[in-house]
Amino acid sequence: EELSTERRNKLSRESKVFGILGVLAETFFLIIIGVWFNYDPVRDPASAANVSRLYNYFRDVNVMIFFGFGFLMTFLRRYGYSAVGYTFFITALVIQWSLILEAFFETVSEENYHFKTWNIGIINVLNGLFCGAAVMISYGGLLGRTTPLQMLIMGLIEPMFFWLNVFICIFKLEAIDIGGGMTIHLFGASFGLTATWFMTYKEAKVHKDNGPSYNSDLFSFAGTLFLFLMWPSFNAAVARTGLGEERALLNTYLSILSSTLSTFIVSRLLMGDRFEAMHIQNSALSGGVAMGVAADLYLTPAGAMLCGFVIGAISVVGFKYLTPFMTKKCHIQDTCGIANLHGIPGTYSGLVSVFASLAASTNSKARDHYYGEYDAYFPRGDRQPGYQMAAIVITALVGIIGGLISGLLMMWSNKLNRLTTSDFYNDKPFWHAACDYEQFRNQEKSTELPKVMDVEDIGLDPSSTM
């Protein structure tokens, strides 16, 4: 497809700004890390064992973020390169930026303002992946409607607010959030939905390429399955070793199993006796988010299962009714449904922690299940429920403020290169696509296929089929 001179000039301007900003960012990272950072020393067998233990979690979370999130977003039939490619690029940027921001906010938290060498260990890179998860959640709301420069802007802005929120809620308030139900999922959804308000266009709301093909949905299912398998590691990675770690693994797995069942059940009931692929790809995972805050707490196995079953149903209902309502009435086109997989389940996860901490603070039998480590699990003691509620509200507010700033900057960048109607949900504007990309488009123009084929549609006698 031949581009007009004006279109080519806009693409060139945006590309140059993208390149300059990317080089400046990496140069900044190199200077800061080169001057003030070193390896975390491992000098004894216990430290070496902890590195091995953490690496197992790091590997799982690494696969979740780069592969799981990337392939989950490949459901758009003509946006697979961008879904995986932007996940790859932005997460690599965010992890490096996160190392610096974590060191800065930890230093401020300790009120130790003189320059010192900061040691990088596996835990810091793991925290960088968690930060990357929040950014990828936000990306899900904007999927299909951004330029590479806009993604780079969000990748630089959002980590600053992510660590600001962690500083307030975790370092200062001492809220508990073992798997990031609030600081990752609720924050990422709040940030992303706010930015999406600025990046929702009338011509993109009803677009022929805002939908899946059979193959793209299968790739998205691959992302779902990898996320499903690795989610217990995501929630248990920074849990207290021993009982807390085991509870985090089991509570998460039981919850996500139950959310999978309720997703299949409710999806079929709501969608005319057939399953909806988007529900299964997303809502099935909501049980993992539901355990994000309280995964290592005493919930009982049945309690974790109940939490997962309920949130799976709520998430499907959200996809059915809330997502179209937000598009039509709120000018928020949430492409991936991050409100239903991350926003609502993240809030729900925070509320689970409120009730779990309330039970432990008021019931001596519940407190006994922490085996003398009550203060370690609940640093604010009997006042922990109030701090959990405060953290939910603060996280949403910080996410909204960050999303406003990022959304404004991303909207401003449209002056350099605003996507046209044909660019939405397409790889072609920013990728050298494979030869069958255009072939697929030509087949679409010449062939109308029904969305669902019954045996009657293809001329078979139903009584002859098995």
Foldseek 3Di string as FASTA:
>chain_A
DDDDPVQVQLLVLLVVVLVVVVVVLVVVLCVCCVPAEDADDDDDPVSVVVQVVLVVLLVLLVCLQQQLLLLLPLQQAFCNCVSNVLSVVLLVSQLSVQLVLVVVLVCVLVVPPDGHHHHDGSVSSLVSSLLSLLLSLLCLLLPQQADSSLSNLSSNLSSNLLSVLCSPQCSPLVAFFQQCLQSRQQLSNLLNQLLLLLRFDPLQLDAPRLGGDPVSLVSSVVSLVSCLVSLLSSRLSPFDPDQLSVQSSLLLNLLLVLLLVLLQVLQCVVPVNDHDSLLNSALSNLLSSLQRGPSSAPQDSVSSSVSSNVLSNVLSVCVVPVQVCCVPPVSRNRSSSSCSRRNVSSLNSLVVVLVRLCCLQPPVVSVCVVVPCSCVNQVPRNCNSVSSVVSNVSSSVSSNVSSNVSSVVSSVSVVSPGDDSVSGSHPVVPDPDDPCSVVVVVCVVVDDDDPDDDCVNVPDDPVPDD
